N, C-alpha and C. Protein backbone atom coordinates (compact mmCIF):
# COMPACT_ATOMS: atom_id res chain seq x y z
N UNK A 1 -11.65 -2.88 19.76
CA UNK A 1 -11.67 -1.70 20.30
C UNK A 1 -11.66 -0.47 19.66
N UNK A 2 -12.06 0.45 19.88
CA UNK A 2 -12.00 1.74 19.03
C UNK A 2 -10.29 2.35 19.26
N UNK A 3 -10.17 2.57 18.07
CA UNK A 3 -9.14 3.38 17.75
C UNK A 3 -7.60 2.40 17.64
N UNK A 4 -7.99 1.29 17.03
CA UNK A 4 -6.90 0.36 17.35
C UNK A 4 -6.44 0.40 15.83
N UNK A 5 -5.46 0.56 15.34
CA UNK A 5 -5.37 0.69 13.72
C UNK A 5 -5.81 -0.55 12.93
N UNK A 6 -5.86 -0.10 11.61
CA UNK A 6 -6.22 -0.97 10.46
C UNK A 6 -4.49 -1.10 9.77
N UNK A 7 -4.02 -2.17 9.80
CA UNK A 7 -2.91 -2.28 9.36
C UNK A 7 -3.43 -2.96 7.57
N UNK A 8 -2.42 -1.72 6.98
CA UNK A 8 -2.55 -2.02 5.03
C UNK A 8 -1.65 -1.66 4.87
N UNK A 9 -1.24 -2.19 3.34
CA UNK A 9 -0.18 -2.08 2.51
C UNK A 9 -0.20 -1.21 1.51
N UNK A 10 0.71 -0.67 0.89
CA UNK A 10 0.12 0.20 -0.45
C UNK A 10 1.52 -0.31 -1.25
N UNK A 11 1.42 -0.67 -2.83
CA UNK A 11 2.28 -0.72 -3.25
C UNK A 11 2.91 0.58 -4.34
N UNK A 12 3.92 1.51 -4.00
CA UNK A 12 4.53 2.70 -4.80
C UNK A 12 5.26 2.32 -6.27
N UNK A 13 4.54 2.39 -7.14
CA UNK A 13 5.37 2.04 -8.47
C UNK A 13 5.16 3.33 -9.02
N UNK A 14 6.72 3.41 -9.56
CA UNK A 14 6.68 4.28 -10.74
C UNK A 14 7.71 4.36 -11.77
N UNK A 15 7.14 4.08 -13.42
CA UNK A 15 7.49 3.83 -14.52
C UNK A 15 7.39 5.58 -15.40
N UNK A 16 8.78 5.96 -15.76
CA UNK A 16 8.62 7.05 -16.77
C UNK A 16 8.08 8.28 -16.30
N UNK A 17 8.09 8.24 -14.72
CA UNK A 17 7.96 9.74 -14.13
C UNK A 17 6.29 9.95 -14.08
N UNK A 18 5.40 8.55 -14.22
CA UNK A 18 4.07 8.31 -13.95
C UNK A 18 3.72 7.34 -12.79
N UNK A 19 3.31 7.52 -11.94
CA UNK A 19 2.68 6.69 -10.96
C UNK A 19 1.63 5.74 -11.19
N UNK A 20 1.59 4.26 -10.66
CA UNK A 20 0.36 3.79 -10.75
C UNK A 20 -0.90 3.65 -9.56
N UNK A 21 -1.67 4.50 -10.23
CA UNK A 21 -3.34 4.60 -9.30
C UNK A 21 -4.18 3.58 -9.52
N UNK A 22 -5.31 3.07 -8.98
CA UNK A 22 -6.35 2.59 -8.94
C UNK A 22 -7.68 3.87 -8.50
N UNK A 23 -8.61 3.64 -9.27
CA UNK A 23 -9.49 4.23 -9.10
C UNK A 23 -10.77 3.31 -8.58
N UNK A 24 -11.25 3.70 -7.89
CA UNK A 24 -12.16 3.06 -6.97
C UNK A 24 -13.31 3.64 -6.27
N UNK A 25 -14.37 3.01 -5.93
CA UNK A 25 -15.53 3.62 -5.39
C UNK A 25 -15.36 3.18 -4.08
N UNK A 26 -15.61 4.65 -3.07
CA UNK A 26 -14.76 4.00 -1.55
C UNK A 26 -16.14 5.11 -0.82
N UNK A 27 -17.19 4.74 -0.01
CA UNK A 27 -18.05 5.39 0.78
C UNK A 27 -18.66 6.41 -0.30
N UNK A 28 -19.12 5.74 -1.93
CA UNK A 28 -20.01 6.70 -2.26
C UNK A 28 -19.07 7.59 -3.28
N UNK A 29 -18.00 7.68 -3.07
CA UNK A 29 -17.41 8.37 -3.81
C UNK A 29 -16.63 7.67 -5.02
N UNK A 30 -16.02 8.29 -5.95
CA UNK A 30 -14.58 7.91 -7.26
C UNK A 30 -13.69 8.49 -6.56
N UNK A 31 -12.58 7.42 -5.89
CA UNK A 31 -11.19 8.00 -5.45
C UNK A 31 -10.40 7.45 -6.26
N UNK A 32 -9.03 8.39 -6.06
CA UNK A 32 -7.40 7.66 -6.49
C UNK A 32 -7.04 7.65 -5.46
N UNK A 33 -5.97 6.22 -4.87
CA UNK A 33 -5.02 5.56 -4.24
C UNK A 33 -4.22 4.75 -4.79
N UNK A 34 -3.22 4.29 -4.41
CA UNK A 34 -2.38 3.43 -4.77
C UNK A 34 -2.75 1.84 -4.82
N UNK A 35 -2.46 0.87 -5.32
CA UNK A 35 -2.95 -0.21 -4.93
C UNK A 35 -2.76 -0.27 -3.61
N UNK A 36 -3.58 -0.56 -2.98
CA UNK A 36 -3.60 -0.82 -1.69
C UNK A 36 -4.68 -2.02 -0.56
N UNK A 37 -4.27 -2.54 0.34
CA UNK A 37 -5.43 -3.33 0.88
C UNK A 37 -4.93 -3.95 2.40
N UNK A 38 -5.88 -4.72 2.95
CA UNK A 38 -5.59 -5.08 4.27
C UNK A 38 -4.88 -6.39 4.45
N UNK A 39 -4.00 -6.50 5.17
CA UNK A 39 -3.16 -7.67 5.47
C UNK A 39 -4.46 -8.75 5.99
N UNK A 40 -4.29 -9.69 5.13
CA UNK A 40 -4.97 -10.90 5.72
C UNK A 40 -4.49 -11.87 6.70
N UNK A 41 -5.10 -12.69 7.09
CA UNK A 41 -4.70 -13.76 8.45
C UNK A 41 -3.87 -14.55 7.83
N UNK A 42 -2.72 -14.66 8.60
CA UNK A 42 -1.58 -15.52 8.10
C UNK A 42 -0.81 -15.40 7.03
N UNK A 43 -1.17 -14.16 6.47
CA UNK A 43 -0.85 -13.13 5.36
C UNK A 43 1.01 -12.36 6.10
N UNK A 44 2.13 -12.47 5.12
CA UNK A 44 3.25 -11.63 5.67
C UNK A 44 2.33 -10.22 4.80
N UNK A 45 3.66 -8.88 5.21
CA UNK A 45 3.02 -7.46 4.65
C UNK A 45 3.79 -7.77 3.45
N UNK A 46 4.68 -8.53 2.93
CA UNK A 46 5.24 -8.36 1.42
C UNK A 46 4.25 -9.08 0.09
N UNK A 47 3.96 -10.55 0.89
CA UNK A 47 2.50 -10.97 0.38
C UNK A 47 1.50 -10.40 0.61
N UNK A 48 1.18 -9.43 1.04
CA UNK A 48 -0.15 -8.60 0.86
C UNK A 48 -0.12 -7.76 0.04
N UNK A 49 1.11 -6.90 0.20
CA UNK A 49 1.21 -5.82 -0.75
C UNK A 49 1.33 -6.44 -2.68
N UNK A 50 1.89 -7.37 -2.66
CA UNK A 50 1.59 -8.56 -3.96
C UNK A 50 0.59 -8.41 -4.41
N UNK A 51 -0.29 -9.31 -3.16
CA UNK A 51 -1.56 -9.74 -3.70
C UNK A 51 -2.24 -8.67 -4.07
N UNK A 52 -2.09 -7.97 -3.22
CA UNK A 52 -3.62 -6.39 -3.29
C UNK A 52 -2.71 -5.72 -4.97
N UNK A 53 -1.67 -5.57 -5.14
CA UNK A 53 -1.67 -4.88 -6.42
C UNK A 53 -2.32 -5.30 -7.74
N UNK A 54 -2.15 -7.21 -7.50
CA UNK A 54 -2.86 -7.75 -8.77
C UNK A 54 -4.05 -7.96 -8.73
N UNK A 55 -4.82 -7.88 -7.40
CA UNK A 55 -6.30 -7.90 -7.62
C UNK A 55 -6.78 -6.57 -7.63
N UNK A 56 -5.94 -5.20 -7.44
CA UNK A 56 -6.48 -3.80 -7.99
C UNK A 56 -6.13 -3.55 -9.04
N UNK A 57 -4.98 -3.89 -9.73
CA UNK A 57 -4.42 -3.36 -11.11
C UNK A 57 -3.90 -4.21 -11.96
N UNK A 58 -3.97 -5.73 -11.49
CA UNK A 58 -3.89 -6.71 -12.68
C UNK A 58 -2.17 -6.58 -13.09
N UNK A 59 -1.63 -5.83 -12.33
CA UNK A 59 0.07 -5.67 -12.38
C UNK A 59 0.63 -6.83 -11.25
N UNK A 60 1.89 -7.16 -11.45
CA UNK A 60 2.53 -7.88 -10.52
C UNK A 60 3.62 -7.12 -10.22
N UNK A 61 3.29 -7.33 -8.91
CA UNK A 61 4.47 -5.93 -8.14
C UNK A 61 5.51 -7.01 -7.65
N UNK A 62 6.76 -6.53 -7.65
CA UNK A 62 7.69 -7.04 -7.32
C UNK A 62 8.57 -5.91 -6.02
N UNK A 63 8.31 -6.23 -4.71
CA UNK A 63 8.69 -5.20 -3.69
C UNK A 63 10.42 -5.10 -3.80
N UNK A 64 10.94 -3.95 -3.85
CA UNK A 64 12.14 -3.49 -3.63
C UNK A 64 12.80 -2.95 -2.32
N UNK A 65 11.72 -2.07 -1.62
CA UNK A 65 12.19 -1.44 -0.52
C UNK A 65 10.72 -1.09 0.42
N UNK A 66 11.28 -0.89 1.37
CA UNK A 66 10.05 -0.29 2.30
C UNK A 66 10.12 1.20 2.03
N UNK A 67 9.37 1.87 1.87
CA UNK A 67 9.04 3.14 1.79
C UNK A 67 8.87 4.01 3.43
N UNK A 68 7.78 3.46 3.93
CA UNK A 68 7.72 3.77 5.19
C UNK A 68 6.57 3.28 5.78
N UNK A 69 6.36 3.87 7.35
CA UNK A 69 5.16 3.43 8.09
C UNK A 69 4.60 4.76 7.84
N UNK A 70 2.92 4.97 7.94
CA UNK A 70 2.14 6.11 7.96
C UNK A 70 0.67 5.68 8.72
N UNK A 71 0.60 6.23 9.53
CA UNK A 71 -0.14 6.44 10.56
C UNK A 71 -1.29 7.51 10.30
N UNK A 72 -2.71 6.95 10.29
CA UNK A 72 -3.44 8.04 9.61
C UNK A 72 -4.45 7.98 10.08
N UNK A 73 -5.16 9.05 11.23
CA UNK A 73 -6.30 9.14 11.79
C UNK A 73 -7.31 9.85 11.08
N UNK A 74 -8.33 9.27 10.41
CA UNK A 74 -9.47 9.59 9.37
C UNK A 74 -10.45 10.73 10.28
N UNK A 75 -10.24 11.97 10.18
CA UNK A 75 -10.92 12.95 11.21
C UNK A 75 -12.89 12.75 10.91
N UNK A 76 -12.97 11.90 9.65
CA UNK A 76 -14.44 12.42 9.01
C UNK A 76 -15.02 10.33 9.98
N UNK A 77 -14.34 9.66 9.60
CA UNK A 77 -14.73 8.38 10.13
C UNK A 77 -14.22 8.21 11.32
N UNK A 78 -13.12 8.47 11.83
CA UNK A 78 -12.70 8.16 13.59
C UNK A 78 -11.76 7.02 13.27
N UNK A 79 -11.49 6.14 11.75
CA UNK A 79 -10.77 5.21 12.15
C UNK A 79 -9.58 5.57 11.90
N UNK A 80 -8.28 5.08 12.43
CA UNK A 80 -6.97 5.05 12.19
C UNK A 80 -6.72 3.91 11.65
N UNK A 81 -5.52 3.96 10.27
CA UNK A 81 -4.69 3.34 9.47
C UNK A 81 -3.47 3.26 9.84
N UNK A 82 -2.62 2.00 9.89
CA UNK A 82 -1.17 2.34 9.61
C UNK A 82 -1.02 1.75 8.29
N UNK A 83 -0.09 2.28 7.54
CA UNK A 83 0.14 1.92 6.20
C UNK A 83 1.33 1.71 6.25
N UNK A 84 1.99 0.29 5.50
CA UNK A 84 3.18 0.01 5.15
C UNK A 84 3.44 0.46 3.90
N UNK A 85 4.05 0.89 3.73
CA UNK A 85 4.24 1.65 1.90
C UNK A 85 5.68 0.96 1.41
N UNK A 86 5.10 0.31 0.42
CA UNK A 86 6.17 -0.48 -0.41
C UNK A 86 6.77 0.39 -1.46
N UNK A 87 8.36 0.40 -2.29
CA UNK A 87 8.45 0.33 -3.51
C UNK A 87 8.71 -0.51 -4.22
N UNK A 88 8.61 -0.58 -5.44
CA UNK A 88 9.21 -1.70 -6.61
C UNK A 88 9.05 -1.41 -7.57
N UNK A 89 8.81 -2.39 -8.58
CA UNK A 89 8.68 -2.13 -10.14
C UNK A 89 7.34 -2.90 -10.10
N UNK A 90 6.84 -3.01 -11.52
CA UNK A 90 5.85 -4.04 -11.80
C UNK A 90 5.96 -4.59 -13.08
N UNK A 91 5.94 -5.64 -13.08
CA UNK A 91 5.94 -6.62 -14.27
C UNK A 91 4.77 -7.17 -14.66
N UNK A 92 4.71 -7.78 -15.80
CA UNK A 92 3.78 -8.49 -16.04
C UNK A 92 2.17 -8.22 -15.96
N UNK A 93 1.68 -7.51 -16.89
CA UNK A 93 0.45 -7.00 -16.71
C UNK A 93 -0.78 -7.76 -17.75
N UNK A 94 -1.44 -7.78 -17.02
CA UNK A 94 -3.16 -9.00 -17.89
C UNK A 94 -4.12 -8.29 -17.79
N UNK A 95 -4.24 -7.33 -19.18
CA UNK A 95 -5.43 -6.38 -19.37
C UNK A 95 -6.66 -7.03 -19.21
N UNK A 96 -7.00 -9.02 -18.99
CA UNK A 96 -8.32 -9.14 -19.08
C UNK A 96 -8.63 -9.66 -18.04
N UNK A 97 -7.48 -9.06 -16.64
CA UNK A 97 -7.49 -9.89 -15.52
C UNK A 97 -8.96 -8.94 -14.70
N UNK A 98 -9.87 -9.83 -14.15
CA UNK A 98 -10.66 -9.23 -13.15
C UNK A 98 -10.54 -8.39 -12.00
N UNK A 99 -10.58 -6.94 -12.08
CA UNK A 99 -10.25 -6.60 -10.60
C UNK A 99 -11.31 -6.39 -9.64
N UNK A 100 -10.47 -6.41 -8.28
CA UNK A 100 -11.17 -6.31 -7.23
C UNK A 100 -12.92 -5.42 -7.32
N UNK A 101 -13.78 -5.88 -6.67
CA UNK A 101 -14.69 -5.00 -6.29
C UNK A 101 -14.40 -3.64 -6.04
N UNK A 102 -15.42 -2.80 -6.64
CA UNK A 102 -15.10 -1.66 -6.38
C UNK A 102 -14.03 -0.82 -7.31
N UNK A 103 -13.23 -1.74 -7.75
CA UNK A 103 -11.79 -0.99 -8.63
C UNK A 103 -12.55 -0.54 -9.90
N UNK A 104 -12.57 0.58 -10.62
CA UNK A 104 -13.41 0.86 -11.99
C UNK A 104 -11.78 1.14 -13.12
N UNK A 105 -10.94 0.95 -12.79
CA UNK A 105 -9.48 1.05 -13.76
C UNK A 105 -8.54 1.82 -13.03
N UNK A 106 -7.48 1.63 -13.67
CA UNK A 106 -6.10 1.81 -13.33
C UNK A 106 -5.54 3.03 -13.62
N UNK A 107 -4.50 3.79 -13.39
CA UNK A 107 -3.70 5.21 -14.38
C UNK A 107 -2.57 4.99 -14.18
N UNK A 108 -1.70 5.62 -14.94
CA UNK A 108 -0.41 5.86 -14.53
C UNK A 108 -0.72 7.54 -14.55
N UNK A 109 -0.38 8.33 -13.59
CA UNK A 109 -0.34 9.69 -13.39
C UNK A 109 1.19 10.05 -13.02
N UNK A 110 1.18 11.34 -13.28
CA UNK A 110 2.38 12.24 -12.75
C UNK A 110 1.90 12.69 -11.62
N UNK A 111 3.06 13.02 -10.88
CA UNK A 111 2.93 13.83 -9.37
C UNK A 111 2.17 15.36 -9.67
N UNK A 112 2.41 15.80 -10.64
CA UNK A 112 1.31 16.88 -10.91
C UNK A 112 0.26 16.74 -11.02
N UNK A 113 -0.11 15.92 -12.01
CA UNK A 113 -1.42 15.54 -12.17
C UNK A 113 -2.37 14.67 -10.84
N UNK A 114 -1.74 14.35 -9.92
CA UNK A 114 -2.24 13.73 -8.77
C UNK A 114 -2.34 14.37 -7.65
N UNK A 115 -1.81 15.80 -7.93
CA UNK A 115 -1.16 16.75 -7.00
C UNK A 115 -2.84 17.70 -7.45
N UNK A 116 -2.94 17.62 -8.84
CA UNK A 116 -4.28 18.45 -9.35
C UNK A 116 -5.23 17.80 -8.82
N UNK A 117 -5.30 16.56 -8.79
CA UNK A 117 -6.73 15.73 -8.44
C UNK A 117 -6.74 15.69 -6.79
N UNK A 118 -6.01 16.36 -5.99
CA UNK A 118 -6.34 16.37 -4.60
C UNK A 118 -7.63 16.02 -4.30
N UNK A 119 -8.49 16.44 -4.69
CA UNK A 119 -10.01 16.22 -3.75
C UNK A 119 -10.34 14.77 -4.23
N UNK A 120 -9.68 14.10 -4.92
CA UNK A 120 -10.23 12.70 -5.50
C UNK A 120 -9.23 11.50 -4.51
N UNK A 121 -8.36 12.11 -3.92
CA UNK A 121 -7.49 11.14 -3.47
C UNK A 121 -8.28 10.55 -1.84
N UNK A 122 -7.73 9.29 -2.16
CA UNK A 122 -8.48 8.47 -1.16
C UNK A 122 -8.22 8.80 0.67
N UNK A 123 -6.98 9.32 0.56
CA UNK A 123 -6.13 9.99 1.71
C UNK A 123 -5.38 11.03 1.48
N UNK A 124 -4.83 11.83 2.31
CA UNK A 124 -3.42 12.28 2.06
C UNK A 124 -2.21 11.11 1.77
N UNK A 125 -2.17 10.13 2.26
CA UNK A 125 -1.15 9.35 2.47
C UNK A 125 -0.55 9.22 0.72
N UNK A 126 -1.88 9.16 -0.07
CA UNK A 126 -1.52 8.91 -1.44
C UNK A 126 -0.32 9.77 -1.88
N UNK A 127 -0.45 11.03 -1.66
CA UNK A 127 0.64 12.03 -2.21
C UNK A 127 1.84 12.44 -1.23
N UNK A 128 1.24 11.92 0.08
CA UNK A 128 2.68 11.82 1.11
C UNK A 128 3.77 10.99 0.63
N UNK A 129 3.25 9.71 0.18
CA UNK A 129 3.96 8.60 -0.19
C UNK A 129 4.97 8.76 -1.25
N UNK A 130 3.84 9.78 -2.18
CA UNK A 130 4.92 9.72 -3.96
C UNK A 130 5.83 10.71 -3.22
N UNK A 131 5.51 11.74 -2.87
CA UNK A 131 6.53 12.83 -2.15
C UNK A 131 7.72 11.90 -1.63
N UNK A 132 7.49 11.35 -0.24
CA UNK A 132 8.62 10.49 0.39
C UNK A 132 9.46 9.93 -0.84
N UNK A 133 8.72 9.22 -1.76
CA UNK A 133 9.46 8.21 -3.29
C UNK A 133 10.43 9.02 -3.74
N UNK A 134 9.76 10.50 -3.95
CA UNK A 134 10.61 11.40 -4.99
C UNK A 134 11.71 12.02 -4.44
N UNK A 135 11.48 12.18 -2.75
CA UNK A 135 12.50 12.77 -1.82
C UNK A 135 13.83 11.41 -1.81
N UNK A 136 13.78 10.35 -2.05
CA UNK A 136 14.78 9.14 -2.41
C UNK A 136 14.38 8.37 -0.91
N UNK A 137 13.44 8.74 -0.19
CA UNK A 137 13.42 7.65 1.05
C UNK A 137 13.17 6.21 0.71
N UNK A 138 14.20 5.55 1.15
CA UNK A 138 14.15 4.03 0.78
C UNK A 138 14.54 3.46 2.10
N UNK A 139 13.97 2.30 2.55
CA UNK A 139 14.52 1.40 3.38
C UNK A 139 14.98 -0.14 2.93
N UNK A 140 15.97 -0.87 3.28
CA UNK A 140 15.93 -2.14 2.84
C UNK A 140 14.75 -2.92 3.34
N UNK A 141 14.46 -4.01 2.69
CA UNK A 141 13.15 -5.24 2.45
C UNK A 141 13.44 -5.89 4.11
N UNK A 142 14.85 -5.83 4.23
CA UNK A 142 15.17 -6.72 5.57
C UNK A 142 14.94 -5.96 6.83
N UNK A 143 14.25 -4.64 6.47
CA UNK A 143 13.51 -4.11 7.78
C UNK A 143 12.61 -4.15 8.29
N UNK A 144 11.58 -5.16 7.17
CA UNK A 144 10.16 -5.77 7.88
C UNK A 144 10.87 -7.30 8.12
N UNK A 145 10.27 -7.74 9.04
CA UNK A 145 10.34 -9.32 9.67
C UNK A 145 8.86 -9.81 9.82
N UNK A 146 8.75 -10.64 9.48
CA UNK A 146 7.80 -11.65 9.91
C UNK A 146 7.97 -12.84 11.40
N UNK A 147 7.67 -12.52 11.99
CA UNK A 147 7.89 -13.55 12.92
C UNK A 147 6.50 -13.94 13.52
N UNK A 148 6.14 -15.14 13.05
CA UNK A 148 5.43 -16.31 13.31
C UNK A 148 5.08 -16.67 15.04
N UNK A 149 4.43 -17.47 15.16
CA UNK A 149 4.18 -17.90 16.79
C UNK A 149 5.41 -18.42 17.41
N UNK A 150 5.81 -19.32 16.31
CA UNK A 150 6.96 -20.18 16.93
C UNK A 150 8.24 -19.11 16.78
N UNK A 151 8.28 -18.28 16.30
CA UNK A 151 9.32 -17.45 16.18
C UNK A 151 9.08 -16.53 17.37
N UNK A 152 8.30 -15.87 17.59
CA UNK A 152 8.01 -15.35 18.68
C UNK A 152 8.13 -16.05 20.03
N UNK A 153 7.82 -17.33 19.88
CA UNK A 153 8.43 -18.16 20.83
C UNK A 153 10.08 -18.54 21.02
N UNK A 154 10.35 -18.67 20.27
CA UNK A 154 11.99 -18.40 20.26
C UNK A 154 12.64 -17.42 20.76
N UNK A 155 11.79 -16.36 20.33
CA UNK A 155 12.73 -15.06 20.64
C UNK A 155 12.33 -14.71 22.09
N UNK A 156 11.21 -14.93 22.99
CA UNK A 156 11.18 -15.06 24.15
C UNK A 156 12.10 -16.01 24.96
N UNK A 157 12.14 -16.82 24.30
CA UNK A 157 12.79 -17.86 25.44
C UNK A 157 14.55 -17.36 25.59
N UNK A 158 14.88 -16.93 23.96
CA UNK A 158 16.03 -16.07 24.09
C UNK A 158 16.25 -14.95 24.89
N UNK A 159 15.42 -14.29 25.52
CA UNK A 159 15.36 -12.67 26.06
C UNK A 159 15.23 -13.01 27.19
N UNK A 160 14.47 -14.37 27.86
CA UNK A 160 14.48 -14.89 29.06
C UNK A 160 15.65 -15.53 29.68
N UNK A 161 16.43 -16.08 28.92
CA UNK A 161 17.05 -16.95 28.93
C UNK A 161 18.48 -16.72 29.32
């Protein structure tokens, strides 16, 4: 179905005033993005953001808060993305880990240097998430629920009964 949003997750990790970004090849361009990617079948949102961060940056990500939900319609491609962004800290880096295909490196950048590279950002979501983080926007991780098929059936039974 055209226009159906792709669900992605993103990790917003800050250390000493610098944010973790990945440099990646996308659509023939070298762009900057937070460690981010699609949720795989059977995976929770939290599992996805931890996995994507490790695969793209070789950093282990420990989610602390839900930053927000971001719906973006790419005028150039016509694709719609629903980004679920998490804040947290990174621990344990493996500098020898093989990064995902397309990732050429990782960088710790200030907000000013990211804004200065605006033309290289994969999407406007990159800077928007950083600005929301800097503004103190945070929701508890309990705001994120994963209800499997069994849970959905139980919920439906309670609503009907």
